[in-house]
Each structure stands twice: as C-alpha cells, then as structure tokens.
Amino acid sequence: MGVPVHTATFRFYEELCFFLPPEQHKQDFGYKFKGSPAIKDAIEAIGVPHTEVELILVNGASGGRSRLRLSHV
C-alpha cells in the first residue's frame, strides 16, 4: 500500500503572481503532497521562491516559514 496523497490549498498575491501561470493568480488552487513537507519546500515546488514570501497564513492565522509543515488533518 502506498503513501496517501493529500491536498493543501494555496493562494498567492501581487508580485508573487509573476511566478505562476495566469489561472493561479489571486485564486485558490490545490497542491498535492505526500508525507509532511516543509511549507517552504511546497512553495518552491509550486514555483515561487520561498524567500520572496513575506506572509504565510494557515487557516487565517499568521505562521512562520521555518517550522511550518504540511500535514493531513
């Protein structure tokens, strides 16, 4: 049996949209992942340099890049 695949929802704004295809500009979109990758790794995999991100909201609350990990709830 394989590792389950989960989906996290991302939305990027303003100058970060430069790194994304137009259909992902200022829109919610899903990112599929296995395990519990660091949020910075997920951001990079989407195509946005994590060093360009100034604010991360998780369920509406501000969180820091360094310790956040995606997980299935």
C-alpha atoms as a PDB file:
ATOM      1  CA  MET A   1       0.000   0.000   0.000  1.00  0.00           C
ATOM      2  CA  GLY A   2       1.412   3.399  -0.996  1.00  0.00           C
ATOM      3  CA  VAL A   3       1.710   6.630   0.910  1.00  0.00           C
ATOM      4  CA  PRO A   4      -1.579   8.591   0.790  1.00  0.00           C
ATOM      5  CA  VAL A   5      -1.725  11.783  -1.266  1.00  0.00           C
ATOM      6  CA  HIS A   6      -3.227  14.902   0.345  1.00  0.00           C
ATOM      7  CA  THR A   7      -4.088  18.342  -0.999  1.00  0.00           C
ATOM      8  CA  ALA A   8      -3.304  21.762   0.514  1.00  0.00           C
ATOM      9  CA  THR A   9      -4.883  24.954  -0.804  1.00  0.00           C
ATOM     10  CA  PHE A  10      -2.629  27.879  -1.731  1.00  0.00           C
ATOM     11  CA  ARG A  11      -3.279  31.432  -2.887  1.00  0.00           C
ATOM     12  CA  PHE A  12      -0.590  33.936  -3.852  1.00  0.00           C
ATOM     13  CA  TYR A  13      -0.999  37.691  -4.280  1.00  0.00           C
ATOM     14  CA  GLU A  14       0.507  40.645  -6.101  1.00  0.00           C
ATOM     15  CA  GLU A  15       4.153  40.339  -7.199  1.00  0.00           C
ATOM     16  CA  LEU A  16       4.258  36.615  -6.372  1.00  0.00           C
ATOM     17  CA  CYS A  17       1.827  36.008  -9.242  1.00  0.00           C
ATOM     18  CA  PHE A  18       4.742  36.716 -11.587  1.00  0.00           C
ATOM     19  CA  PHE A  19       5.995  33.183 -10.842  1.00  0.00           C
ATOM     20  CA  LEU A  20       2.647  31.478 -11.538  1.00  0.00           C
ATOM     21  CA  PRO A  21       0.519  30.725 -14.587  1.00  0.00           C
ATOM     22  CA  PRO A  22      -2.355  33.215 -15.029  1.00  0.00           C
ATOM     23  CA  GLU A  23      -5.019  30.744 -13.872  1.00  0.00           C
ATOM     24  CA  GLN A  24      -3.370  30.673 -10.423  1.00  0.00           C
ATOM     25  CA  HIS A  25      -3.163  34.460  -9.943  1.00  0.00           C
ATOM     26  CA  LYS A  26      -5.040  35.512  -6.776  1.00  0.00           C
ATOM     27  CA  GLN A  27      -7.032  32.251  -6.911  1.00  0.00           C
ATOM     28  CA  ASP A  28      -7.190  29.263  -4.598  1.00  0.00           C
ATOM     29  CA  PHE A  29      -5.553  26.186  -6.110  1.00  0.00           C
ATOM     30  CA  GLY A  30      -4.626  22.752  -4.842  1.00  0.00           C
ATOM     31  CA  TYR A  31      -1.142  21.376  -4.235  1.00  0.00           C
ATOM     32  CA  LYS A  32      -0.872  17.608  -3.852  1.00  0.00           C
ATOM     33  CA  PHE A  33       1.678  16.213  -1.403  1.00  0.00           C
ATOM     34  CA  LYS A  34       2.742  13.050   0.412  1.00  0.00           C
ATOM     35  CA  GLY A  35       4.065  12.921   3.953  1.00  0.00           C
ATOM     36  CA  SER A  36       4.530  16.288   5.683  1.00  0.00           C
ATOM     37  CA  PRO A  37       6.825  18.531   3.619  1.00  0.00           C
ATOM     38  CA  ALA A  38       8.057  21.867   4.954  1.00  0.00           C
ATOM     39  CA  ILE A  39       5.890  24.746   3.770  1.00  0.00           C
ATOM     40  CA  LYS A  40       8.915  26.404   2.156  1.00  0.00           C
ATOM     41  CA  ASP A  41       9.525  23.255   0.106  1.00  0.00           C
ATOM     42  CA  ALA A  42       5.902  23.225  -1.074  1.00  0.00           C
ATOM     43  CA  ILE A  43       6.110  26.913  -2.034  1.00  0.00           C
ATOM     44  CA  GLU A  44       9.290  26.240  -4.021  1.00  0.00           C
ATOM     45  CA  ALA A  45       7.710  23.196  -5.719  1.00  0.00           C
ATOM     46  CA  ILE A  46       4.824  25.397  -6.859  1.00  0.00           C
ATOM     47  CA  GLY A  47       7.353  27.712  -8.492  1.00  0.00           C
ATOM     48  CA  VAL A  48       7.548  30.640  -6.077  1.00  0.00           C
ATOM     49  CA  PRO A  49      10.909  31.331  -4.387  1.00  0.00           C
ATOM     50  CA  HIS A  50      10.155  30.966  -0.665  1.00  0.00           C
ATOM     51  CA  THR A  51      12.475  33.890   0.091  1.00  0.00           C
ATOM     52  CA  GLU A  52      10.028  36.180  -1.779  1.00  0.00           C
ATOM     53  CA  VAL A  53       7.127  35.273   0.538  1.00  0.00           C
ATOM     54  CA  GLU A  54       6.625  37.796   3.336  1.00  0.00           C
ATOM     55  CA  LEU A  55       3.491  36.428   4.991  1.00  0.00           C
ATOM     56  CA  ILE A  56       2.009  32.949   5.349  1.00  0.00           C
ATOM     57  CA  LEU A  57      -1.493  32.426   6.690  1.00  0.00           C
ATOM     58  CA  VAL A  58      -2.526  28.983   7.877  1.00  0.00           C
ATOM     59  CA  ASN A  59      -6.258  28.711   8.498  1.00  0.00           C
ATOM     60  CA  GLY A  60      -6.339  32.513   8.795  1.00  0.00           C
ATOM     61  CA  ALA A  61      -3.513  32.815  11.348  1.00  0.00           C
ATOM     62  CA  SER A  62      -0.019  34.081  10.630  1.00  0.00           C
ATOM     63  CA  GLY A  63       2.734  31.470  10.716  1.00  0.00           C
ATOM     64  CA  GLY A  64       6.484  31.432  10.174  1.00  0.00           C
ATOM     65  CA  ARG A  65       8.154  29.714   7.236  1.00  0.00           C
ATOM     66  CA  SER A  66      10.833  27.848   9.103  1.00  0.00           C
ATOM     67  CA  ARG A  67       8.788  25.418  11.185  1.00  0.00           C
ATOM     68  CA  LEU A  68       5.558  25.059   9.241  1.00  0.00           C
ATOM     69  CA  ARG A  69       4.905  21.698   7.672  1.00  0.00           C
ATOM     70  CA  LEU A  70       2.005  20.478   5.607  1.00  0.00           C
ATOM     71  CA  SER A  71       0.054  17.678   7.208  1.00  0.00           C
ATOM     72  CA  HIS A  72      -3.232  15.892   6.758  1.00  0.00           C
ATOM     73  CA  VAL A  73      -5.884  16.826   9.288  1.00  0.00           C
END
